[in-house]
Amino acid sequence: MAKEKHRIVIAEDYTILREGLRSLIYTYPDFDVIAEAGDAHEAIMFVEKFKAPSGFDGLIHARMNGMDVIRENRKRVPETNIVVHGDLPQG
C-alpha cells in the first residue's frame, strides 16, 4: 500500500515565492501541494475546505496579518500543522 502524502496549502502573497515553495516541495515525494493562496482569506478557506494536515503560512495581508491567519486556522482546523517563513509581528 502506498504511503499517504503530506498535503500542503501554500499561503504567500508574492507569486514568485509561492512558485518557489511549490517547486521546492515537489522535490520531496512525500509531500503534495493541494492549494495555493494569495491572501489571508483564501488561506483560511483552503485549509478549512481541504482539512489540510500541513500548511505553509508566510502571509502578511493588509486586512489580516499572518498571526491572524494562524489563529483563525487553529480555531477552524486545530489539527493543521503550520510552518511560518519570514518575520511575523509579535503578539
Protein backbone atom coordinates (compact mmCIF):
# COMPACT_ATOMS: atom_id res chain seq x y z
CA MET A 1 0.00 0.00 0.00
CA ALA A 2 1.33 3.45 -0.95
CA LYS A 3 2.29 5.81 1.85
CA GLU A 4 -0.12 8.76 2.23
CA LYS A 5 1.41 12.08 1.23
CA HIS A 6 1.53 15.15 3.44
CA ARG A 7 -0.96 17.58 1.93
CA ILE A 8 0.15 21.21 1.96
CA VAL A 9 -1.55 24.55 1.41
CA ILE A 10 0.91 27.30 0.49
CA ALA A 11 -0.15 30.78 1.65
CA GLU A 12 2.01 33.58 0.30
CA ASP A 13 1.06 36.91 -1.21
CA TYR A 14 4.11 37.05 -3.51
CA THR A 15 3.58 34.84 -6.55
CA ILE A 16 7.29 34.22 -7.10
CA LEU A 17 7.69 32.95 -3.52
CA ARG A 18 4.64 30.69 -3.86
CA GLU A 19 6.11 29.25 -7.06
CA GLY A 20 9.49 28.73 -5.40
CA LEU A 21 7.96 26.98 -2.39
CA ARG A 22 5.87 24.78 -4.68
CA SER A 23 8.95 23.83 -6.72
CA LEU A 24 10.91 23.03 -3.58
CA ILE A 25 8.09 20.97 -2.06
CA TYR A 26 7.69 18.92 -5.26
CA THR A 27 11.29 17.70 -4.88
CA TYR A 28 10.10 15.68 -1.86
CA PRO A 29 7.95 12.71 -2.91
CA ASP A 30 6.09 12.51 0.43
CA PHE A 31 4.58 16.00 0.02
CA ASP A 32 1.81 17.28 -2.24
CA VAL A 33 0.69 20.89 -2.72
CA ILE A 34 -3.11 20.78 -2.78
CA ALA A 35 -3.78 24.54 -2.94
CA GLU A 36 -2.09 27.91 -3.14
CA ALA A 37 -3.48 31.05 -1.53
CA GLY A 38 -2.53 34.60 -2.43
CA ASP A 39 -4.24 36.24 0.52
CA ALA A 40 -5.30 35.53 4.08
CA HIS A 41 -8.93 34.76 3.32
CA GLU A 42 -8.02 32.22 0.62
CA ALA A 43 -5.56 30.57 3.01
CA ILE A 44 -8.22 30.10 5.68
CA MET A 45 -10.77 28.89 3.13
CA PHE A 46 -8.41 26.31 1.57
CA VAL A 47 -7.21 24.89 4.88
CA GLU A 48 -10.78 24.50 6.07
CA LYS A 49 -12.03 23.16 2.72
CA PHE A 50 -9.35 20.52 2.33
CA LYS A 51 -8.74 19.93 6.05
CA ALA A 52 -5.06 20.07 5.15
CA PRO A 53 -2.98 18.49 7.92
CA SER A 54 0.05 20.54 6.90
CA GLY A 55 0.32 24.13 5.79
CA PHE A 56 2.86 26.81 4.98
CA ASP A 57 1.90 30.24 6.19
CA GLY A 58 4.07 33.20 5.36
CA LEU A 59 1.30 35.66 4.72
CA ILE A 60 1.02 39.23 5.91
CA HIS A 61 -2.03 40.92 4.42
CA ALA A 62 -3.46 44.42 4.78
CA ARG A 63 -6.76 43.21 6.26
CA MET A 64 -5.41 40.24 8.20
CA ASN A 65 -1.82 39.58 9.23
CA GLY A 66 -0.09 36.20 9.35
CA MET A 67 -0.73 35.73 13.08
CA ASP A 68 -4.45 36.25 12.47
CA VAL A 69 -4.38 33.57 9.75
CA ILE A 70 -2.70 31.16 12.16
CA ARG A 71 -5.20 31.90 14.95
CA GLU A 72 -8.19 31.53 12.61
CA ASN A 73 -6.89 28.24 11.18
CA ARG A 74 -6.30 26.93 14.73
CA LYS A 75 -9.95 27.68 15.57
CA ARG A 76 -11.37 26.10 12.41
CA VAL A 77 -9.00 23.16 11.83
CA PRO A 78 -6.92 22.67 15.01
CA GLU A 79 -5.07 19.60 13.70
CA THR A 80 -3.39 21.65 10.94
CA ASN A 81 0.39 21.98 11.22
CA ILE A 82 1.67 25.41 10.21
CA VAL A 83 5.20 26.29 9.13
CA VAL A 84 5.97 30.01 9.07
CA HIS A 85 8.70 31.59 6.97
CA GLY A 86 9.79 35.17 7.34
CA ASP A 87 9.05 37.61 10.14
CA LEU A 88 5.71 37.97 11.85
CA PRO A 89 4.78 40.73 14.27
CA GLN A 90 4.93 39.82 17.95
CA GLY A 91 1.62 39.39 19.69
